C-alpha cells in the first residue's frame, strides 16, 4: 500500500494498481493509467475537512472499506491489484498513516510501501 498526496499522483499510475482517492474527487488526468480508480468519502455528516482527521477515523470506517476491497479482490469482484495507492490531501497524510498503522488487520493485509516523492511517507 502506498500513501500519496493528490499533488504527487500524476506520473505515479501503474496498470496493476488500484487507486483510492480519499475525500477528494480525482480529475480525469489523475485517473488515467491506473488499473482501477475508486473514491472513498467519509460518512461524517457535515464535515468540512479532510479525511485524515481523528473524527473521520473513529470506528475504523476506512479500515472496513480497505478490508472490503481485499475481499472483493479475492472474490474476483474488482480488478486484481498488486498495489493499493491511497491518495489524499497533503495535510491528511500523517493522520491517515497513523490510522493505518494502528489498524492491525489492515496493516497486516496491506503494509505500507515507501514512496519517493515530494510528499513521501517513509515507513
PDB file of N, CA and C in Angstrom:
ATOM      1  N   UNK A   1       0.848  -1.168   0.000  1.00  0.00           N
ATOM      2  CA  UNK A   1       0.000   0.000   0.000  1.00  0.00           C
ATOM      3  C   UNK A   1       0.894   1.231   0.000  1.00  0.00           C
ATOM      4  N   UNK A   2       0.511   2.209  -0.825  1.00  0.00           N
ATOM      5  CA  UNK A   2       1.245   3.472  -0.896  1.00  0.00           C
ATOM      6  C   UNK A   2       0.296   4.594  -0.512  1.00  0.00           C
ATOM      7  N   UNK A   3       0.816   5.585   0.159  1.00  0.00           N
ATOM      8  CA  UNK A   3       0.048   6.760   0.551  1.00  0.00           C
ATOM      9  C   UNK A   3       0.640   7.955  -0.175  1.00  0.00           C
ATOM     10  N   UNK A   4      -0.146   8.553  -1.079  1.00  0.00           N
ATOM     11  CA  UNK A   4       0.313   9.662  -1.915  1.00  0.00           C
ATOM     12  C   UNK A   4      -0.559  10.883  -1.703  1.00  0.00           C
ATOM     13  N   UNK A   5       0.008  12.054  -1.934  1.00  0.00           N
ATOM     14  CA  UNK A   5      -0.803  13.272  -1.921  1.00  0.00           C
ATOM     15  C   UNK A   5      -1.362  13.488  -3.320  1.00  0.00           C
ATOM     16  N   UNK A   6      -2.450  14.231  -3.426  1.00  0.00           N
ATOM     17  CA  UNK A   6      -3.063  14.485  -4.730  1.00  0.00           C
ATOM     18  C   UNK A   6      -2.089  15.182  -5.669  1.00  0.00           C
ATOM     19  N   UNK A   7      -1.181  15.995  -5.138  1.00  0.00           N
ATOM     20  CA  UNK A   7      -0.206  16.693  -5.974  1.00  0.00           C
ATOM     21  C   UNK A   7       0.819  15.745  -6.583  1.00  0.00           C
ATOM     22  N   UNK A   8       1.067  14.614  -5.934  1.00  0.00           N
ATOM     23  CA  UNK A   8       2.095  13.679  -6.384  1.00  0.00           C
ATOM     24  C   UNK A   8       1.548  12.564  -7.272  1.00  0.00           C
ATOM     25  N   UNK A   9       0.249  12.582  -7.571  1.00  0.00           N
ATOM     26  CA  UNK A   9      -0.381  11.473  -8.280  1.00  0.00           C
ATOM     27  C   UNK A   9       0.033  11.373  -9.742  1.00  0.00           C
ATOM     28  N   UNK A  10       0.087  12.485 -10.440  1.00  0.00           N
ATOM     29  CA  UNK A  10       0.417  12.428 -11.861  1.00  0.00           C
ATOM     30  C   UNK A  10       1.824  11.869 -12.036  1.00  0.00           C
ATOM     31  N   UNK A  11       1.954  10.922 -12.930  1.00  0.00           N
ATOM     32  CA  UNK A  11       3.229  10.246 -13.147  1.00  0.00           C
ATOM     33  C   UNK A  11       3.411   9.017 -12.276  1.00  0.00           C
ATOM     34  N   UNK A  12       2.499   8.751 -11.347  1.00  0.00           N
ATOM     35  CA  UNK A  12       2.591   7.605 -10.448  1.00  0.00           C
ATOM     36  C   UNK A  12       1.749   6.403 -10.883  1.00  0.00           C
ATOM     37  N   UNK A  13       0.748   6.556 -11.778  1.00  0.00           N
ATOM     38  CA  UNK A  13      -0.154   5.439 -12.070  1.00  0.00           C
ATOM     39  C   UNK A  13       0.568   4.190 -12.560  1.00  0.00           C
ATOM     40  N   UNK A  14       0.004   3.066 -12.188  1.00  0.00           N
ATOM     41  CA  UNK A  14       0.505   1.767 -12.608  1.00  0.00           C
ATOM     42  C   UNK A  14      -0.696   0.918 -13.003  1.00  0.00           C
ATOM     43  N   UNK A  15      -0.576   0.205 -14.103  1.00  0.00           N
ATOM     44  CA  UNK A  15      -1.700  -0.584 -14.606  1.00  0.00           C
ATOM     45  C   UNK A  15      -2.163  -1.644 -13.605  1.00  0.00           C
ATOM     46  N   UNK A  16      -1.274  -2.189 -12.790  1.00  0.00           N
ATOM     47  CA  UNK A  16      -1.638  -3.213 -11.818  1.00  0.00           C
ATOM     48  C   UNK A  16      -2.023  -2.664 -10.461  1.00  0.00           C
ATOM     49  N   UNK A  17      -2.293  -1.372 -10.387  1.00  0.00           N
ATOM     50  CA  UNK A  17      -2.607  -0.738  -9.103  1.00  0.00           C
ATOM     51  C   UNK A  17      -4.051  -0.273  -9.043  1.00  0.00           C
ATOM     52  N   UNK A  18      -4.591  -0.296  -7.850  1.00  0.00           N
ATOM     53  CA  UNK A  18      -5.901   0.279  -7.575  1.00  0.00           C
ATOM     54  C   UNK A  18      -5.657   1.598  -6.858  1.00  0.00           C
ATOM     55  N   UNK A  19      -6.202   2.677  -7.389  1.00  0.00           N
ATOM     56  CA  UNK A  19      -6.071   3.996  -6.766  1.00  0.00           C
ATOM     57  C   UNK A  19      -7.358   4.312  -6.021  1.00  0.00           C
ATOM     58  N   UNK A  20      -7.241   4.685  -4.754  1.00  0.00           N
ATOM     59  CA  UNK A  20      -8.394   5.104  -3.964  1.00  0.00           C
ATOM     60  C   UNK A  20      -8.157   6.543  -3.540  1.00  0.00           C
ATOM     61  N   UNK A  21      -8.992   7.440  -4.032  1.00  0.00           N
ATOM     62  CA  UNK A  21      -8.919   8.853  -3.672  1.00  0.00           C
ATOM     63  C   UNK A  21      -9.751   9.045  -2.411  1.00  0.00           C
ATOM     64  N   UNK A  22      -9.101   9.518  -1.353  1.00  0.00           N
ATOM     65  CA  UNK A  22      -9.728   9.647  -0.039  1.00  0.00           C
ATOM     66  C   UNK A  22     -10.234  11.066   0.181  1.00  0.00           C
ATOM     67  N   UNK A  23     -11.533  11.239   0.112  1.00  0.00           N
ATOM     68  CA  UNK A  23     -12.136  12.533   0.406  1.00  0.00           C
ATOM     69  C   UNK A  23     -11.953  13.577  -0.671  1.00  0.00           C
ATOM     70  N   UNK A  24     -11.461  13.201  -1.839  1.00  0.00           N
ATOM     71  CA  UNK A  24     -11.285  14.142  -2.952  1.00  0.00           C
ATOM     72  C   UNK A  24     -11.784  13.489  -4.238  1.00  0.00           C
ATOM     73  N   UNK A  25     -12.333  14.305  -5.126  1.00  0.00           N
ATOM     74  CA  UNK A  25     -12.758  13.820  -6.435  1.00  0.00           C
ATOM     75  C   UNK A  25     -11.583  13.961  -7.404  1.00  0.00           C
ATOM     76  N   UNK A  26     -11.141  12.872  -8.015  1.00  0.00           N
ATOM     77  CA  UNK A  26      -9.995  12.945  -8.922  1.00  0.00           C
ATOM     78  C   UNK A  26     -10.371  13.565 -10.267  1.00  0.00           C
ATOM     79  N   UNK A  27      -9.422  14.257 -10.851  1.00  0.00           N
ATOM     80  CA  UNK A  27      -9.601  14.799 -12.198  1.00  0.00           C
ATOM     81  C   UNK A  27      -9.380  13.664 -13.200  1.00  0.00           C
ATOM     82  N   UNK A  28      -9.813  13.839 -14.444  1.00  0.00           N
ATOM     83  CA  UNK A  28      -9.542  12.811 -15.455  1.00  0.00           C
ATOM     84  C   UNK A  28      -8.047  12.517 -15.607  1.00  0.00           C
ATOM     85  N   UNK A  29      -7.202  13.532 -15.510  1.00  0.00           N
ATOM     86  CA  UNK A  29      -5.751  13.315 -15.617  1.00  0.00           C
ATOM     87  C   UNK A  29      -5.239  12.466 -14.454  1.00  0.00           C
ATOM     88  N   UNK A  30      -5.793  12.660 -13.255  1.00  0.00           N
ATOM     89  CA  UNK A  30      -5.366  11.885 -12.089  1.00  0.00           C
ATOM     90  C   UNK A  30      -5.854  10.443 -12.168  1.00  0.00           C
ATOM     91  N   UNK A  31      -6.938  10.199 -12.889  1.00  0.00           N
ATOM     92  CA  UNK A  31      -7.493   8.851 -13.014  1.00  0.00           C
ATOM     93  C   UNK A  31      -6.811   8.017 -14.094  1.00  0.00           C
ATOM     94  N   UNK A  32      -6.125   8.669 -15.019  1.00  0.00           N
ATOM     95  CA  UNK A  32      -5.540   7.973 -16.169  1.00  0.00           C
ATOM     96  C   UNK A  32      -4.396   7.049 -15.758  1.00  0.00           C
ATOM     97  N   UNK A  33      -4.383   5.849 -16.318  1.00  0.00           N
ATOM     98  CA  UNK A  33      -3.263   4.931 -16.158  1.00  0.00           C
ATOM     99  C   UNK A  33      -3.370   3.915 -15.038  1.00  0.00           C
ATOM    100  N   UNK A  34      -4.337   4.042 -14.152  1.00  0.00           N
ATOM    101  CA  UNK A  34      -4.495   3.090 -13.054  1.00  0.00           C
ATOM    102  C   UNK A  34      -5.252   1.854 -13.537  1.00  0.00           C
ATOM    103  N   UNK A  35      -5.076   0.730 -12.855  1.00  0.00           N
ATOM    104  CA  UNK A  35      -5.850  -0.470 -13.148  1.00  0.00           C
ATOM    105  C   UNK A  35      -7.322  -0.240 -12.865  1.00  0.00           C
ATOM    106  N   UNK A  36      -7.619   0.477 -11.796  1.00  0.00           N
ATOM    107  CA  UNK A  36      -8.981   0.857 -11.420  1.00  0.00           C
ATOM    108  C   UNK A  36      -8.875   2.044 -10.472  1.00  0.00           C
ATOM    109  N   UNK A  37      -9.929   2.829 -10.411  1.00  0.00           N
ATOM    110  CA  UNK A  37      -9.969   4.010  -9.540  1.00  0.00           C
ATOM    111  C   UNK A  37     -11.243   3.957  -8.716  1.00  0.00           C
ATOM    112  N   UNK A  38     -11.109   4.183  -7.426  1.00  0.00           N
ATOM    113  CA  UNK A  38     -12.256   4.273  -6.515  1.00  0.00           C
ATOM    114  C   UNK A  38     -12.144   5.582  -5.741  1.00  0.00           C
ATOM    115  N   UNK A  39     -13.264   6.020  -5.219  1.00  0.00           N
ATOM    116  CA  UNK A  39     -13.293   7.205  -4.362  1.00  0.00           C
ATOM    117  C   UNK A  39     -13.946   6.812  -3.051  1.00  0.00           C
ATOM    118  N   UNK A  40     -13.325   7.190  -1.942  1.00  0.00           N
ATOM    119  CA  UNK A  40     -13.893   6.940  -0.622  1.00  0.00           C
ATOM    120  C   UNK A  40     -14.146   8.285   0.033  1.00  0.00           C
ATOM    121  N   UNK A  41     -15.392   8.515   0.402  1.00  0.00           N
ATOM    122  CA  UNK A  41     -15.784   9.737   1.097  1.00  0.00           C
ATOM    123  C   UNK A  41     -16.254   9.325   2.489  1.00  0.00           C
ATOM    124  N   UNK A  42     -15.675   9.887   3.541  1.00  0.00           N
ATOM    125  CA  UNK A  42     -16.106   9.523   4.896  1.00  0.00           C
ATOM    126  C   UNK A  42     -17.569   9.871   5.114  1.00  0.00           C
ATOM    127  N   UNK A  43     -18.223   9.101   5.958  1.00  0.00           N
ATOM    128  CA  UNK A  43     -19.647   9.274   6.222  1.00  0.00           C
ATOM    129  C   UNK A  43     -19.947  10.338   7.266  1.00  0.00           C
ATOM    130  N   UNK A  44     -18.949  11.044   7.762  1.00  0.00           N
ATOM    131  CA  UNK A  44     -19.163  12.073   8.786  1.00  0.00           C
ATOM    132  C   UNK A  44     -20.057  13.173   8.222  1.00  0.00           C
ATOM    133  N   UNK A  45     -21.266  13.245   8.697  1.00  0.00           N
ATOM    134  CA  UNK A  45     -22.221  14.232   8.198  1.00  0.00           C
ATOM    135  C   UNK A  45     -21.791  15.633   8.599  1.00  0.00           C
ATOM    136  N   UNK A  46     -21.796  16.520   7.644  1.00  0.00           N
ATOM    137  CA  UNK A  46     -21.489  17.916   7.923  1.00  0.00           C
ATOM    138  C   UNK A  46     -20.016  18.228   8.060  1.00  0.00           C
ATOM    139  N   UNK A  47     -19.151  17.253   7.847  1.00  0.00           N
ATOM    140  CA  UNK A  47     -17.717  17.511   7.975  1.00  0.00           C
ATOM    141  C   UNK A  47     -17.246  18.350   6.798  1.00  0.00           C
ATOM    142  N   UNK A  48     -16.466  19.365   7.093  1.00  0.00           N
ATOM    143  CA  UNK A  48     -15.938  20.215   6.023  1.00  0.00           C
ATOM    144  C   UNK A  48     -14.410  20.224   6.065  1.00  0.00           C
ATOM    145  N   UNK A  49     -13.833  19.068   6.305  1.00  0.00           N
ATOM    146  CA  UNK A  49     -12.387  18.957   6.414  1.00  0.00           C
ATOM    147  C   UNK A  49     -11.946  17.659   5.752  1.00  0.00           C
ATOM    148  N   UNK A  50     -10.658  17.400   5.735  1.00  0.00           N
ATOM    149  CA  UNK A  50     -10.113  16.234   5.056  1.00  0.00           C
ATOM    150  C   UNK A  50     -10.454  14.922   5.730  1.00  0.00           C
ATOM    151  N   UNK A  51     -10.136  13.839   5.037  1.00  0.00           N
ATOM    152  CA  UNK A  51     -10.496  12.508   5.526  1.00  0.00           C
ATOM    153  C   UNK A  51      -9.506  11.937   6.530  1.00  0.00           C
ATOM    154  N   UNK A  52      -8.406  12.608   6.790  1.00  0.00           N
ATOM    155  CA  UNK A  52      -7.404  12.079   7.695  1.00  0.00           C
ATOM    156  C   UNK A  52      -7.545  12.525   9.132  1.00  0.00           C
ATOM    157  N   UNK A  53      -8.526  13.348   9.431  1.00  0.00           N
ATOM    158  CA  UNK A  53      -8.668  13.870  10.791  1.00  0.00           C
ATOM    159  C   UNK A  53      -9.126  12.771  11.748  1.00  0.00           C
ATOM    160  N   UNK A  54      -8.911  12.974  13.014  1.00  0.00           N
ATOM    161  CA  UNK A  54      -9.236  11.963  14.017  1.00  0.00           C
ATOM    162  C   UNK A  54     -10.725  11.634  14.048  1.00  0.00           C
ATOM    163  N   UNK A  55     -11.592  12.642  13.842  1.00  0.00           N
ATOM    164  CA  UNK A  55     -13.031  12.361  13.919  1.00  0.00           C
ATOM    165  C   UNK A  55     -13.495  11.470  12.769  1.00  0.00           C
ATOM    166  N   UNK A  56     -12.826  11.531  11.627  1.00  0.00           N
ATOM    167  CA  UNK A  56     -13.216  10.697  10.483  1.00  0.00           C
ATOM    168  C   UNK A  56     -12.630   9.296  10.580  1.00  0.00           C
ATOM    169  N   UNK A  57     -11.667   9.070  11.444  1.00  0.00           N
ATOM    170  CA  UNK A  57     -11.050   7.758  11.591  1.00  0.00           C
ATOM    171  C   UNK A  57     -11.697   6.948  12.701  1.00  0.00           C
ATOM    172  N   UNK A  58     -12.482   7.584  13.547  1.00  0.00           N
ATOM    173  CA  UNK A  58     -13.124   6.896  14.665  1.00  0.00           C
ATOM    174  C   UNK A  58     -14.008   5.770  14.147  1.00  0.00           C
ATOM    175  N   UNK A  59     -13.878   4.611  14.730  1.00  0.00           N
ATOM    176  CA  UNK A  59     -14.716   3.486  14.363  1.00  0.00           C
ATOM    177  C   UNK A  59     -14.167   2.651  13.214  1.00  0.00           C
ATOM    178  N   UNK A  60     -13.058   3.063  12.621  1.00  0.00           N
ATOM    179  CA  UNK A  60     -12.424   2.251  11.595  1.00  0.00           C
ATOM    180  C   UNK A  60     -13.162   2.176  10.280  1.00  0.00           C
ATOM    181  N   UNK A  61     -13.890   3.220   9.914  1.00  0.00           N
ATOM    182  CA  UNK A  61     -14.643   3.212   8.658  1.00  0.00           C
ATOM    183  C   UNK A  61     -13.728   2.974   7.456  1.00  0.00           C
ATOM    184  N   UNK A  62     -12.590   3.660   7.411  1.00  0.00           N
ATOM    185  CA  UNK A  62     -11.646   3.464   6.316  1.00  0.00           C
ATOM    186  C   UNK A  62     -11.085   2.047   6.345  1.00  0.00           C
ATOM    187  N   UNK A  63     -10.771   1.545   7.522  1.00  0.00           N
ATOM    188  CA  UNK A  63     -10.269   0.177   7.642  1.00  0.00           C
ATOM    189  C   UNK A  63     -11.256  -0.846   7.107  1.00  0.00           C
ATOM    190  N   UNK A  64     -12.531  -0.679   7.436  1.00  0.00           N
ATOM    191  CA  UNK A  64     -13.554  -1.596   6.922  1.00  0.00           C
ATOM    192  C   UNK A  64     -13.639  -1.515   5.397  1.00  0.00           C
ATOM    193  N   UNK A  65     -13.527  -0.305   4.857  1.00  0.00           N
ATOM    194  CA  UNK A  65     -13.549  -0.128   3.405  1.00  0.00           C
ATOM    195  C   UNK A  65     -12.366  -0.858   2.755  1.00  0.00           C
ATOM    196  N   UNK A  66     -11.174  -0.712   3.329  1.00  0.00           N
ATOM    197  CA  UNK A  66      -9.984  -1.352   2.769  1.00  0.00           C
ATOM    198  C   UNK A  66     -10.062  -2.874   2.866  1.00  0.00           C
ATOM    199  N   UNK A  67     -10.617  -3.380   3.955  1.00  0.00           N
ATOM    200  CA  UNK A  67     -10.805  -4.827   4.091  1.00  0.00           C
ATOM    201  C   UNK A  67     -11.799  -5.323   3.046  1.00  0.00           C
ATOM    202  N   UNK A  68     -12.869  -4.557   2.807  1.00  0.00           N
ATOM    203  CA  UNK A  68     -13.852  -4.967   1.796  1.00  0.00           C
ATOM    204  C   UNK A  68     -13.233  -4.982   0.397  1.00  0.00           C
ATOM    205  N   UNK A  69     -12.280  -4.082   0.122  1.00  0.00           N
ATOM    206  CA  UNK A  69     -11.581  -4.116  -1.168  1.00  0.00           C
ATOM    207  C   UNK A  69     -10.769  -5.399  -1.320  1.00  0.00           C
ATOM    208  N   UNK A  70     -10.091  -5.813  -0.253  1.00  0.00           N
ATOM    209  CA  UNK A  70      -9.308  -7.050  -0.306  1.00  0.00           C
ATOM    210  C   UNK A  70     -10.237  -8.250  -0.506  1.00  0.00           C
ATOM    211  N   UNK A  71     -11.401  -8.244   0.151  1.00  0.00           N
ATOM    212  CA  UNK A  71     -12.362  -9.329  -0.027  1.00  0.00           C
ATOM    213  C   UNK A  71     -12.900  -9.352  -1.458  1.00  0.00           C
ATOM    214  N   UNK A  72     -13.198  -8.182  -2.017  1.00  0.00           N
ATOM    215  CA  UNK A  72     -13.684  -8.104  -3.402  1.00  0.00           C
ATOM    216  C   UNK A  72     -12.616  -8.607  -4.369  1.00  0.00           C
ATOM    217  N   UNK A  73     -11.371  -8.282  -4.097  1.00  0.00           N
ATOM    218  CA  UNK A  73     -10.254  -8.765  -4.926  1.00  0.00           C
ATOM    219  C   UNK A  73     -10.184 -10.285  -4.877  1.00  0.00           C
ATOM    220  N   UNK A  74     -10.312 -10.862  -3.683  1.00  0.00           N
ATOM    221  CA  UNK A  74     -10.238 -12.315  -3.524  1.00  0.00           C
ATOM    222  C   UNK A  74     -11.394 -13.025  -4.225  1.00  0.00           C
ATOM    223  N   UNK A  75     -12.561 -12.399  -4.256  1.00  0.00           N
ATOM    224  CA  UNK A  75     -13.729 -12.989  -4.914  1.00  0.00           C
ATOM    225  C   UNK A  75     -13.774 -12.702  -6.410  1.00  0.00           C
ATOM    226  N   UNK A  76     -12.833 -11.920  -6.925  1.00  0.00           N
ATOM    227  CA  UNK A  76     -12.823 -11.574  -8.342  1.00  0.00           C
ATOM    228  C   UNK A  76     -13.842 -10.513  -8.716  1.00  0.00           C
ATOM    229  N   UNK A  77     -14.287  -9.723  -7.745  1.00  0.00           N
ATOM    230  CA  UNK A  77     -15.311  -8.701  -7.978  1.00  0.00           C
ATOM    231  C   UNK A  77     -14.723  -7.338  -8.328  1.00  0.00           C
ATOM    232  N   UNK A  78     -13.422  -7.233  -8.319  1.00  0.00           N
ATOM    233  CA  UNK A  78     -12.765  -5.993  -8.738  1.00  0.00           C
ATOM    234  C   UNK A  78     -11.462  -6.373  -9.430  1.00  0.00           C
ATOM    235  N   UNK A  79     -10.803  -5.387  -9.994  1.00  0.00           N
ATOM    236  CA  UNK A  79      -9.538  -5.636 -10.671  1.00  0.00           C
ATOM    237  C   UNK A  79      -8.562  -6.293  -9.686  1.00  0.00           C
ATOM    238  N   UNK A  80      -7.765  -7.239 -10.186  1.00  0.00           N
ATOM    239  CA  UNK A  80      -6.761  -7.873  -9.335  1.00  0.00           C
ATOM    240  C   UNK A  80      -5.582  -6.918  -9.222  1.00  0.00           C
ATOM    241  N   UNK A  81      -5.530  -6.173  -8.143  1.00  0.00           N
ATOM    242  CA  UNK A  81      -4.481  -5.175  -7.959  1.00  0.00           C
ATOM    243  C   UNK A  81      -3.322  -5.759  -7.169  1.00  0.00           C
ATOM    244  N   UNK A  82      -2.116  -5.368  -7.557  1.00  0.00           N
ATOM    245  CA  UNK A  82      -0.914  -5.766  -6.832  1.00  0.00           C
ATOM    246  C   UNK A  82      -0.526  -4.716  -5.812  1.00  0.00           C
ATOM    247  N   UNK A  83      -0.897  -3.473  -6.083  1.00  0.00           N
ATOM    248  CA  UNK A  83      -0.584  -2.369  -5.185  1.00  0.00           C
ATOM    249  C   UNK A  83      -1.831  -1.523  -4.996  1.00  0.00           C
ATOM    250  N   UNK A  84      -2.070  -1.120  -3.775  1.00  0.00           N
ATOM    251  CA  UNK A  84      -3.153  -0.198  -3.461  1.00  0.00           C
ATOM    252  C   UNK A  84      -2.521   1.159  -3.187  1.00  0.00           C
ATOM    253  N   UNK A  85      -2.957   2.170  -3.916  1.00  0.00           N
ATOM    254  CA  UNK A  85      -2.449   3.529  -3.714  1.00  0.00           C
ATOM    255  C   UNK A  85      -3.563   4.379  -3.131  1.00  0.00           C
ATOM    256  N   UNK A  86      -3.362   4.848  -1.915  1.00  0.00           N
ATOM    257  CA  UNK A  86      -4.313   5.748  -1.266  1.00  0.00           C
ATOM    258  C   UNK A  86      -3.866   7.171  -1.547  1.00  0.00           C
ATOM    259  N   UNK A  87      -4.771   7.987  -2.046  1.00  0.00           N
ATOM    260  CA  UNK A  87      -4.431   9.342  -2.464  1.00  0.00           C
ATOM    261  C   UNK A  87      -5.271  10.315  -1.658  1.00  0.00           C
ATOM    262  N   UNK A  88      -4.596  11.240  -0.970  1.00  0.00           N
ATOM    263  CA  UNK A  88      -5.284  12.157  -0.065  1.00  0.00           C
ATOM    264  C   UNK A  88      -4.678  13.550  -0.162  1.00  0.00           C
ATOM    265  N   UNK A  89      -5.262  14.466   0.574  1.00  0.00           N
ATOM    266  CA  UNK A  89      -4.715  15.817   0.676  1.00  0.00           C
ATOM    267  C   UNK A  89      -3.431  15.763   1.502  1.00  0.00           C
ATOM    268  N   UNK A  90      -2.444  16.612   1.189  1.00  0.00           N
ATOM    269  CA  UNK A  90      -1.165  16.569   1.917  1.00  0.00           C
ATOM    270  C   UNK A  90      -1.327  16.707   3.433  1.00  0.00           C
ATOM    271  N   UNK A  91      -2.244  17.552   3.873  1.00  0.00           N
ATOM    272  CA  UNK A  91      -2.408  17.770   5.314  1.00  0.00           C
ATOM    273  C   UNK A  91      -3.033  16.571   6.030  1.00  0.00           C
ATOM    274  N   UNK A  92      -3.563  15.605   5.285  1.00  0.00           N
ATOM    275  CA  UNK A  92      -4.186  14.429   5.891  1.00  0.00           C
ATOM    276  C   UNK A  92      -3.240  13.235   6.008  1.00  0.00           C
ATOM    277  N   UNK A  93      -2.071  13.300   5.385  1.00  0.00           N
ATOM    278  CA  UNK A  93      -1.198  12.130   5.304  1.00  0.00           C
ATOM    279  C   UNK A  93      -0.751  11.599   6.664  1.00  0.00           C
ATOM    280  N   UNK A  94      -0.337  12.463   7.554  1.00  0.00           N
ATOM    281  CA  UNK A  94       0.177  11.994   8.851  1.00  0.00           C
ATOM    282  C   UNK A  94      -0.908  11.274   9.645  1.00  0.00           C
ATOM    283  N   UNK A  95      -2.102  11.844   9.704  1.00  0.00           N
ATOM    284  CA  UNK A  95      -3.195  11.215  10.448  1.00  0.00           C
ATOM    285  C   UNK A  95      -3.621   9.904   9.799  1.00  0.00           C
ATOM    286  N   UNK A  96      -3.653   9.865   8.475  1.00  0.00           N
ATOM    287  CA  UNK A  96      -4.006   8.621   7.787  1.00  0.00           C
ATOM    288  C   UNK A  96      -2.958   7.543   8.018  1.00  0.00           C
ATOM    289  N   UNK A  97      -1.691   7.908   7.946  1.00  0.00           N
ATOM    290  CA  UNK A  97      -0.630   6.940   8.186  1.00  0.00           C
ATOM    291  C   UNK A  97      -0.751   6.367   9.596  1.00  0.00           C
ATOM    292  N   UNK A  98      -1.008   7.226  10.570  1.00  0.00           N
ATOM    293  CA  UNK A  98      -1.177   6.759  11.948  1.00  0.00           C
ATOM    294  C   UNK A  98      -2.377   5.819  12.052  1.00  0.00           C
ATOM    295  N   UNK A  99      -3.501   6.198  11.437  1.00  0.00           N
ATOM    296  CA  UNK A  99      -4.700   5.362  11.494  1.00  0.00           C
ATOM    297  C   UNK A  99      -4.454   4.000  10.845  1.00  0.00           C
ATOM    298  N   UNK A 100      -3.768   3.982   9.715  1.00  0.00           N
ATOM    299  CA  UNK A 100      -3.494   2.720   9.027  1.00  0.00           C
ATOM    300  C   UNK A 100      -2.550   1.836   9.836  1.00  0.00           C
ATOM    301  N   UNK A 101      -1.528   2.431  10.436  1.00  0.00           N
ATOM    302  CA  UNK A 101      -0.587   1.657  11.244  1.00  0.00           C
ATOM    303  C   UNK A 101      -1.220   1.184  12.545  1.00  0.00           C
ATOM    304  N   UNK A 102      -2.282   1.847  12.992  1.00  0.00           N
ATOM    305  CA  UNK A 102      -2.957   1.480  14.234  1.00  0.00           C
ATOM    306  C   UNK A 102      -4.000   0.390  14.034  1.00  0.00           C
ATOM    307  N   UNK A 103      -4.289   0.045  12.796  1.00  0.00           N
ATOM    308  CA  UNK A 103      -5.273  -0.998  12.497  1.00  0.00           C
ATOM    309  C   UNK A 103      -4.507  -2.272  12.132  1.00  0.00           C
ATOM    310  N   UNK A 104      -4.365  -3.210  13.073  1.00  0.00           N
ATOM    311  CA  UNK A 104      -3.514  -4.376  12.827  1.00  0.00           C
ATOM    312  C   UNK A 104      -3.963  -5.228  11.639  1.00  0.00           C
ATOM    313  N   UNK A 105      -5.255  -5.366  11.422  1.00  0.00           N
ATOM    314  CA  UNK A 105      -5.721  -6.193  10.316  1.00  0.00           C
ATOM    315  C   UNK A 105      -5.397  -5.541   8.972  1.00  0.00           C
ATOM    316  N   UNK A 106      -5.709  -4.261   8.840  1.00  0.00           N
ATOM    317  CA  UNK A 106      -5.414  -3.550   7.592  1.00  0.00           C
ATOM    318  C   UNK A 106      -3.911  -3.521   7.348  1.00  0.00           C
ATOM    319  N   UNK A 107      -3.145  -3.220   8.383  1.00  0.00           N
ATOM    320  CA  UNK A 107      -1.694  -3.136   8.223  1.00  0.00           C
ATOM    321  C   UNK A 107      -1.102  -4.488   7.834  1.00  0.00           C
ATOM    322  N   UNK A 108      -1.636  -5.579   8.389  1.00  0.00           N
ATOM    323  CA  UNK A 108      -1.112  -6.904   8.031  1.00  0.00           C
ATOM    324  C   UNK A 108      -1.518  -7.304   6.616  1.00  0.00           C
ATOM    325  N   UNK A 109      -2.680  -6.859   6.150  1.00  0.00           N
ATOM    326  CA  UNK A 109      -3.113  -7.170   4.783  1.00  0.00           C
ATOM    327  C   UNK A 109      -2.343  -6.381   3.737  1.00  0.00           C
ATOM    328  N   UNK A 110      -2.094  -5.111   4.023  1.00  0.00           N
ATOM    329  CA  UNK A 110      -1.526  -4.216   3.022  1.00  0.00           C
ATOM    330  C   UNK A 110      -0.101  -3.759   3.316  1.00  0.00           C
ATOM    331  N   UNK A 111       0.251  -3.500   4.569  1.00  0.00           N
ATOM    332  CA  UNK A 111       1.536  -2.890   4.892  1.00  0.00           C
ATOM    333  C   UNK A 111       1.611  -1.484   4.311  1.00  0.00           C
ATOM    334  N   UNK A 112       2.752  -0.829   4.403  1.00  0.00           N
ATOM    335  CA  UNK A 112       2.962   0.481   3.783  1.00  0.00           C
ATOM    336  C   UNK A 112       4.276   0.446   3.023  1.00  0.00           C
ATOM    337  N   UNK A 113       4.248   0.934   1.807  1.00  0.00           N
ATOM    338  CA  UNK A 113       5.428   0.975   0.945  1.00  0.00           C
ATOM    339  C   UNK A 113       5.977   2.392   0.934  1.00  0.00           C
ATOM    340  N   UNK A 114       7.281   2.534   1.027  1.00  0.00           N
ATOM    341  CA  UNK A 114       7.895   3.861   0.945  1.00  0.00           C
ATOM    342  C   UNK A 114       7.738   4.394  -0.473  1.00  0.00           C
ATOM    343  N   UNK A 115       7.383   5.656  -0.578  1.00  0.00           N
ATOM    344  CA  UNK A 115       7.179   6.303  -1.873  1.00  0.00           C
ATOM    345  C   UNK A 115       8.147   7.458  -1.974  1.00  0.00           C
ATOM    346  N   UNK A 116       8.867   7.523  -3.058  1.00  0.00           N
ATOM    347  CA  UNK A 116       9.814   8.613  -3.254  1.00  0.00           C
ATOM    348  C   UNK A 116       9.133   9.730  -4.016  1.00  0.00           C
ATOM    349  N   UNK A 117       8.785  10.787  -3.320  1.00  0.00           N
ATOM    350  CA  UNK A 117       8.183  11.966  -3.941  1.00  0.00           C
ATOM    351  C   UNK A 117       8.273  13.119  -2.964  1.00  0.00           C
ATOM    352  N   UNK A 118       7.795  14.229  -3.386  1.00  0.00           N
ATOM    353  CA  UNK A 118       7.838  15.431  -2.566  1.00  0.00           C
ATOM    354  C   UNK A 118       7.063  15.259  -1.261  1.00  0.00           C
ATOM    355  N   UNK A 119       6.000  14.471  -1.257  1.00  0.00           N
ATOM    356  CA  UNK A 119       5.187  14.259  -0.059  1.00  0.00           C
ATOM    357  C   UNK A 119       5.275  12.800   0.383  1.00  0.00           C
ATOM    358  N   UNK A 120       6.462  12.240   0.375  1.00  0.00           N
ATOM    359  CA  UNK A 120       6.653  10.823   0.681  1.00  0.00           C
ATOM    360  C   UNK A 120       6.274  10.494   2.111  1.00  0.00           C
ATOM    361  N   UNK A 121       5.888   9.258   2.296  1.00  0.00           N
ATOM    362  CA  UNK A 121       5.806   8.730   3.653  1.00  0.00           C
ATOM    363  C   UNK A 121       6.801   7.583   3.699  1.00  0.00           C
ATOM    364  N   UNK A 122       7.753   7.668   4.574  1.00  0.00           N
ATOM    365  CA  UNK A 122       8.761   6.627   4.714  1.00  0.00           C
ATOM    366  C   UNK A 122       8.420   5.818   5.947  1.00  0.00           C
ATOM    367  N   UNK A 123       8.044   4.582   5.729  1.00  0.00           N
ATOM    368  CA  UNK A 123       7.583   3.749   6.833  1.00  0.00           C
ATOM    369  C   UNK A 123       8.529   2.585   7.041  1.00  0.00           C
TER     370      UNK A 123
END
